[in-house]
Amino acid sequence: VQLQASGGGLVQAGASLRLSCAASGRSFRVYSMGWFRQAPGKEREFVAAISGSGGTVKYAESVKGRFTIDRDNDKNRVYLQMNSLKPEDTAVYYCAGIQYGSTRSPVKDYTYWGQGTQVTVSS
């Protein structure tokens, strides 16, 4: 599966953004999907994950209550709604997928990666 993330931008603290990740190929629903981010000089970190059916989600503590992950299997897309953005949310955001996986958080568990989309939050 090929993944392409979009929707990043420059916003002020407190604003919202909705990232989108488009997946090519068939059988999108068998892939668990995740969002990760990487800030300059830091390691890539887990943000959120969703199971293939969309019935199970998982979030990093730092975004819980502010970010929401969801997916539309008919459109082969996964989304990340980001509310109440903070300057520390500034990073390149990546979507990733794993076939038949659960809602995993380790970077190494994911097989497929999209290119990143930059999110910059000014104070």
N, C-alpha and C. Protein backbone atom coordinates (compact mmCIF):
# COMPACT_ATOMS: atom_id res chain seq x y z
N VAL A 1 0.85 -1.17 0.00
CA VAL A 1 0.00 0.00 0.00
C VAL A 1 0.90 1.24 0.00
N GLN A 2 0.49 2.25 -0.75
CA GLN A 2 1.20 3.52 -0.77
C GLN A 2 0.38 4.56 -0.03
N LEU A 3 1.07 5.39 0.74
CA LEU A 3 0.39 6.35 1.60
C LEU A 3 0.85 7.75 1.27
N GLN A 4 -0.08 8.68 1.31
CA GLN A 4 0.25 10.08 1.06
C GLN A 4 -0.49 10.96 2.05
N ALA A 5 0.28 11.65 2.88
CA ALA A 5 -0.29 12.52 3.90
C ALA A 5 -0.39 13.95 3.38
N SER A 6 -1.40 14.65 3.88
CA SER A 6 -1.60 16.05 3.50
C SER A 6 -2.35 16.76 4.62
N GLY A 7 -2.44 18.08 4.48
CA GLY A 7 -3.24 18.85 5.42
C GLY A 7 -2.46 19.66 6.43
N GLY A 8 -1.14 19.56 6.41
CA GLY A 8 -0.36 20.34 7.34
C GLY A 8 -0.38 21.82 7.01
N GLY A 9 0.20 22.61 7.90
CA GLY A 9 0.25 24.04 7.67
C GLY A 9 0.80 24.78 8.86
N LEU A 10 0.73 26.10 8.76
CA LEU A 10 1.18 26.98 9.83
C LEU A 10 -0.04 27.59 10.50
N VAL A 11 -0.18 27.36 11.80
CA VAL A 11 -1.33 27.88 12.54
C VAL A 11 -0.85 28.46 13.87
N GLN A 12 -1.73 29.22 14.49
CA GLN A 12 -1.43 29.75 15.82
C GLN A 12 -1.86 28.77 16.89
N ALA A 13 -1.26 28.92 18.05
CA ALA A 13 -1.63 28.08 19.18
C ALA A 13 -3.13 28.19 19.44
N GLY A 14 -3.75 27.04 19.72
CA GLY A 14 -5.18 27.00 19.96
C GLY A 14 -6.01 26.67 18.74
N ALA A 15 -5.40 26.73 17.59
CA ALA A 15 -6.12 26.46 16.35
C ALA A 15 -6.26 24.95 16.12
N SER A 16 -6.93 24.62 15.03
CA SER A 16 -7.16 23.22 14.66
C SER A 16 -6.66 22.94 13.25
N LEU A 17 -6.29 21.71 13.02
CA LEU A 17 -5.93 21.22 11.69
C LEU A 17 -6.45 19.80 11.55
N ARG A 18 -6.73 19.43 10.33
CA ARG A 18 -7.16 18.05 10.05
C ARG A 18 -6.22 17.47 9.01
N LEU A 19 -5.45 16.50 9.40
CA LEU A 19 -4.56 15.82 8.48
C LEU A 19 -5.30 14.67 7.81
N SER A 20 -4.91 14.40 6.58
CA SER A 20 -5.51 13.31 5.82
C SER A 20 -4.40 12.43 5.26
N CYS A 21 -4.67 11.16 5.19
CA CYS A 21 -3.72 10.22 4.61
C CYS A 21 -4.49 9.36 3.63
N ALA A 22 -4.11 9.44 2.36
CA ALA A 22 -4.75 8.65 1.31
C ALA A 22 -3.93 7.40 1.04
N ALA A 23 -4.60 6.28 0.96
CA ALA A 23 -3.94 5.00 0.71
C ALA A 23 -4.35 4.45 -0.65
N SER A 24 -3.37 3.96 -1.36
CA SER A 24 -3.66 3.31 -2.64
C SER A 24 -3.77 1.81 -2.40
N GLY A 25 -4.24 1.12 -3.40
CA GLY A 25 -4.33 -0.32 -3.28
C GLY A 25 -5.66 -0.79 -2.75
N ARG A 26 -5.79 -2.08 -2.69
CA ARG A 26 -7.05 -2.69 -2.27
C ARG A 26 -6.97 -3.12 -0.80
N SER A 27 -8.09 -3.50 -0.28
CA SER A 27 -8.17 -4.09 1.06
C SER A 27 -7.62 -3.17 2.13
N PHE A 28 -7.95 -1.91 2.04
CA PHE A 28 -7.46 -0.93 3.01
C PHE A 28 -7.89 -1.30 4.42
N ARG A 29 -9.04 -1.90 4.54
CA ARG A 29 -9.57 -2.18 5.87
C ARG A 29 -8.78 -3.23 6.63
N VAL A 30 -7.87 -3.94 5.98
CA VAL A 30 -7.06 -4.93 6.72
C VAL A 30 -5.83 -4.29 7.35
N TYR A 31 -5.65 -3.00 7.08
CA TYR A 31 -4.49 -2.31 7.62
C TYR A 31 -4.87 -1.49 8.85
N SER A 32 -4.17 -1.73 9.94
CA SER A 32 -4.21 -0.79 11.04
C SER A 32 -3.35 0.40 10.66
N MET A 33 -3.78 1.58 11.02
CA MET A 33 -3.10 2.80 10.61
C MET A 33 -2.66 3.61 11.82
N GLY A 34 -1.56 4.31 11.64
CA GLY A 34 -1.06 5.14 12.73
C GLY A 34 -0.59 6.49 12.22
N TRP A 35 -0.57 7.44 13.12
CA TRP A 35 0.05 8.74 12.88
C TRP A 35 1.24 8.88 13.82
N PHE A 36 2.32 9.37 13.27
CA PHE A 36 3.54 9.62 14.03
C PHE A 36 4.01 11.04 13.73
N ARG A 37 4.92 11.55 14.54
CA ARG A 37 5.47 12.87 14.27
C ARG A 37 6.94 12.90 14.66
N GLN A 38 7.64 13.79 14.01
CA GLN A 38 9.06 13.94 14.29
C GLN A 38 9.41 15.42 14.28
N ALA A 39 9.85 15.90 15.43
CA ALA A 39 10.29 17.28 15.56
C ALA A 39 11.79 17.34 15.28
N PRO A 40 12.29 18.50 14.90
CA PRO A 40 13.73 18.63 14.60
C PRO A 40 14.59 18.18 15.78
N GLY A 41 15.55 17.31 15.49
CA GLY A 41 16.46 16.84 16.51
C GLY A 41 15.91 15.79 17.44
N LYS A 42 14.69 15.35 17.18
CA LYS A 42 14.07 14.35 18.04
C LYS A 42 13.74 13.09 17.25
N GLU A 43 13.51 12.02 17.98
CA GLU A 43 13.12 10.77 17.34
C GLU A 43 11.64 10.83 16.94
N ARG A 44 11.31 10.02 15.97
CA ARG A 44 9.91 9.91 15.55
C ARG A 44 9.12 9.28 16.70
N GLU A 45 7.96 9.83 16.97
CA GLU A 45 7.16 9.35 18.08
C GLU A 45 5.72 9.06 17.67
N PHE A 46 5.13 8.15 18.41
CA PHE A 46 3.76 7.75 18.18
C PHE A 46 2.79 8.86 18.58
N VAL A 47 1.75 9.03 17.77
CA VAL A 47 0.70 10.00 18.08
C VAL A 47 -0.64 9.29 18.30
N ALA A 48 -1.06 8.49 17.32
CA ALA A 48 -2.36 7.83 17.42
C ALA A 48 -2.40 6.65 16.46
N ALA A 49 -3.27 5.69 16.76
CA ALA A 49 -3.44 4.53 15.89
C ALA A 49 -4.90 4.12 15.89
N ILE A 50 -5.29 3.44 14.81
CA ILE A 50 -6.68 2.99 14.67
C ILE A 50 -6.67 1.62 14.00
N SER A 51 -7.53 0.76 14.46
CA SER A 51 -7.62 -0.58 13.90
C SER A 51 -8.26 -0.54 12.51
N GLY A 52 -8.20 -1.65 11.82
CA GLY A 52 -8.72 -1.72 10.46
C GLY A 52 -10.20 -1.40 10.35
N SER A 53 -10.95 -1.83 11.34
CA SER A 53 -12.39 -1.56 11.34
C SER A 53 -12.72 -0.18 11.87
N GLY A 54 -11.77 0.43 12.52
CA GLY A 54 -12.01 1.73 13.16
C GLY A 54 -12.57 1.61 14.56
N GLY A 55 -12.74 0.39 15.03
CA GLY A 55 -13.37 0.21 16.32
C GLY A 55 -12.46 0.39 17.51
N THR A 56 -11.17 0.35 17.29
CA THR A 56 -10.21 0.52 18.38
C THR A 56 -9.24 1.63 18.03
N VAL A 57 -9.04 2.52 18.98
CA VAL A 57 -8.10 3.62 18.79
C VAL A 57 -7.17 3.69 19.99
N LYS A 58 -6.04 4.33 19.76
CA LYS A 58 -5.04 4.49 20.81
C LYS A 58 -4.34 5.82 20.60
N TYR A 59 -4.04 6.51 21.71
CA TYR A 59 -3.42 7.82 21.62
C TYR A 59 -2.22 7.93 22.54
N ALA A 60 -1.28 8.75 22.14
CA ALA A 60 -0.21 9.14 23.06
C ALA A 60 -0.80 10.04 24.13
N GLU A 61 -0.23 9.97 25.32
CA GLU A 61 -0.76 10.77 26.42
C GLU A 61 -0.72 12.26 26.10
N SER A 62 0.27 12.67 25.35
CA SER A 62 0.45 14.10 25.07
C SER A 62 -0.64 14.69 24.19
N VAL A 63 -1.39 13.84 23.49
CA VAL A 63 -2.42 14.36 22.57
C VAL A 63 -3.82 13.91 22.97
N LYS A 64 -3.90 13.08 23.98
CA LYS A 64 -5.20 12.54 24.38
C LYS A 64 -6.13 13.68 24.79
N GLY A 65 -7.35 13.66 24.25
CA GLY A 65 -8.31 14.70 24.53
C GLY A 65 -8.26 15.87 23.57
N ARG A 66 -7.20 15.95 22.77
CA ARG A 66 -7.06 17.05 21.80
C ARG A 66 -7.10 16.54 20.37
N PHE A 67 -6.55 15.36 20.14
CA PHE A 67 -6.49 14.79 18.79
C PHE A 67 -7.47 13.63 18.68
N THR A 68 -8.00 13.45 17.47
CA THR A 68 -8.89 12.34 17.19
C THR A 68 -8.49 11.68 15.87
N ILE A 69 -8.32 10.38 15.91
CA ILE A 69 -8.02 9.63 14.70
C ILE A 69 -9.29 8.92 14.23
N ASP A 70 -9.53 8.94 12.94
CA ASP A 70 -10.65 8.19 12.39
C ASP A 70 -10.32 7.81 10.96
N ARG A 71 -11.14 6.99 10.38
CA ARG A 71 -10.86 6.50 9.03
C ARG A 71 -12.15 6.30 8.26
N ASP A 72 -12.02 6.34 6.95
CA ASP A 72 -13.14 6.08 6.04
C ASP A 72 -12.65 4.99 5.09
N ASN A 73 -13.03 3.76 5.35
CA ASN A 73 -12.53 2.65 4.54
C ASN A 73 -13.09 2.67 3.12
N ASP A 74 -14.21 3.31 2.92
CA ASP A 74 -14.75 3.40 1.56
C ASP A 74 -13.93 4.35 0.70
N LYS A 75 -13.28 5.31 1.36
CA LYS A 75 -12.47 6.29 0.64
C LYS A 75 -10.97 6.01 0.77
N ASN A 76 -10.63 4.93 1.47
CA ASN A 76 -9.21 4.59 1.69
C ASN A 76 -8.44 5.74 2.34
N ARG A 77 -9.02 6.31 3.36
CA ARG A 77 -8.39 7.45 4.02
C ARG A 77 -8.42 7.30 5.54
N VAL A 78 -7.38 7.84 6.15
CA VAL A 78 -7.34 7.96 7.59
C VAL A 78 -7.05 9.42 7.91
N TYR A 79 -7.65 9.90 9.00
CA TYR A 79 -7.57 11.32 9.33
C TYR A 79 -7.03 11.50 10.74
N LEU A 80 -6.49 12.67 10.97
CA LEU A 80 -6.09 13.07 12.32
C LEU A 80 -6.61 14.48 12.54
N GLN A 81 -7.65 14.60 13.35
CA GLN A 81 -8.19 15.89 13.73
C GLN A 81 -7.41 16.40 14.92
N MET A 82 -6.79 17.55 14.78
CA MET A 82 -5.95 18.11 15.84
C MET A 82 -6.55 19.43 16.31
N ASN A 83 -6.98 19.45 17.55
CA ASN A 83 -7.57 20.64 18.15
C ASN A 83 -6.66 21.18 19.25
N SER A 84 -6.88 22.42 19.61
CA SER A 84 -6.13 23.05 20.70
C SER A 84 -4.63 22.84 20.51
N LEU A 85 -4.16 23.14 19.33
CA LEU A 85 -2.76 22.89 19.02
C LEU A 85 -1.84 23.75 19.86
N LYS A 86 -0.70 23.18 20.19
CA LYS A 86 0.31 23.83 21.00
C LYS A 86 1.61 23.93 20.22
N PRO A 87 2.47 24.87 20.57
CA PRO A 87 3.76 24.96 19.87
C PRO A 87 4.54 23.65 19.91
N GLU A 88 4.40 22.89 20.98
CA GLU A 88 5.13 21.62 21.08
C GLU A 88 4.58 20.54 20.16
N ASP A 89 3.48 20.81 19.49
CA ASP A 89 2.95 19.89 18.48
C ASP A 89 3.65 20.09 17.14
N THR A 90 4.48 21.10 17.03
CA THR A 90 5.19 21.36 15.78
C THR A 90 6.08 20.19 15.42
N ALA A 91 5.90 19.66 14.22
CA ALA A 91 6.66 18.48 13.77
C ALA A 91 6.24 18.15 12.35
N VAL A 92 6.97 17.24 11.77
CA VAL A 92 6.52 16.61 10.53
C VAL A 92 5.69 15.39 10.94
N TYR A 93 4.49 15.32 10.40
CA TYR A 93 3.56 14.24 10.74
C TYR A 93 3.53 13.21 9.61
N TYR A 94 3.61 11.95 10.01
CA TYR A 94 3.64 10.84 9.07
C TYR A 94 2.48 9.89 9.35
N CYS A 95 1.89 9.36 8.28
CA CYS A 95 0.95 8.26 8.46
C CYS A 95 1.68 6.96 8.13
N ALA A 96 1.24 5.90 8.75
CA ALA A 96 1.88 4.60 8.59
C ALA A 96 0.84 3.50 8.68
N GLY A 97 1.16 2.35 8.09
CA GLY A 97 0.22 1.25 8.09
C GLY A 97 0.90 -0.08 8.35
N ILE A 98 0.13 -0.99 8.91
CA ILE A 98 0.59 -2.35 9.12
C ILE A 98 -0.57 -3.28 8.81
N GLN A 99 -0.28 -4.31 8.02
CA GLN A 99 -1.32 -5.23 7.61
C GLN A 99 -1.65 -6.19 8.75
N TYR A 100 -2.92 -6.31 9.02
CA TYR A 100 -3.41 -7.22 10.04
C TYR A 100 -2.87 -6.92 11.43
N GLY A 101 -2.41 -5.73 11.63
CA GLY A 101 -1.88 -5.37 12.94
C GLY A 101 -2.96 -4.83 13.86
N SER A 102 -2.62 -4.65 15.09
CA SER A 102 -3.53 -4.02 16.04
C SER A 102 -3.11 -2.56 16.17
N THR A 103 -3.64 -1.88 17.15
CA THR A 103 -3.30 -0.47 17.31
C THR A 103 -1.96 -0.38 18.03
N ARG A 104 -0.90 -0.48 17.28
CA ARG A 104 0.44 -0.51 17.85
C ARG A 104 1.06 0.87 17.89
N SER A 105 1.97 1.06 18.82
CA SER A 105 2.64 2.35 18.95
C SER A 105 4.10 2.38 18.52
N PRO A 106 4.83 1.29 18.58
CA PRO A 106 6.24 1.37 18.18
C PRO A 106 6.43 1.68 16.70
N VAL A 107 7.35 2.57 16.42
CA VAL A 107 7.66 2.93 15.04
C VAL A 107 8.06 1.69 14.24
N LYS A 108 8.84 0.81 14.85
CA LYS A 108 9.39 -0.34 14.14
C LYS A 108 8.33 -1.35 13.73
N ASP A 109 7.15 -1.26 14.30
CA ASP A 109 6.10 -2.23 13.98
C ASP A 109 5.40 -1.94 12.67
N TYR A 110 5.59 -0.75 12.13
CA TYR A 110 4.86 -0.35 10.93
C TYR A 110 5.67 -0.61 9.67
N THR A 111 4.98 -1.12 8.67
CA THR A 111 5.63 -1.54 7.43
C THR A 111 5.61 -0.45 6.37
N TYR A 112 4.51 0.25 6.29
CA TYR A 112 4.30 1.21 5.22
C TYR A 112 4.27 2.63 5.78
N TRP A 113 4.94 3.54 5.08
CA TRP A 113 5.03 4.93 5.53
C TRP A 113 4.75 5.87 4.38
N GLY A 114 4.05 6.94 4.69
CA GLY A 114 3.86 8.00 3.73
C GLY A 114 4.92 9.07 3.92
N GLN A 115 4.94 10.00 3.00
CA GLN A 115 5.84 11.14 3.18
C GLN A 115 5.21 12.04 4.24
N GLY A 116 5.96 12.84 4.87
CA GLY A 116 5.42 13.65 5.95
C GLY A 116 4.74 14.92 5.48
N THR A 117 3.97 15.49 6.39
CA THR A 117 3.37 16.79 6.17
C THR A 117 3.72 17.67 7.37
N GLN A 118 4.18 18.88 7.09
CA GLN A 118 4.68 19.75 8.15
C GLN A 118 3.54 20.46 8.87
N VAL A 119 3.59 20.39 10.19
CA VAL A 119 2.67 21.15 11.03
C VAL A 119 3.51 22.08 11.90
N THR A 120 3.22 23.37 11.80
CA THR A 120 3.93 24.36 12.59
C THR A 120 2.91 25.17 13.38
N VAL A 121 3.11 25.21 14.69
CA VAL A 121 2.21 25.92 15.58
C VAL A 121 2.98 27.06 16.22
N SER A 122 2.55 28.27 15.95
CA SER A 122 3.23 29.44 16.51
C SER A 122 2.57 29.85 17.82
N SER A 123 3.37 30.42 18.70
CA SER A 123 2.84 30.84 20.01
C SER A 123 2.31 32.25 19.98
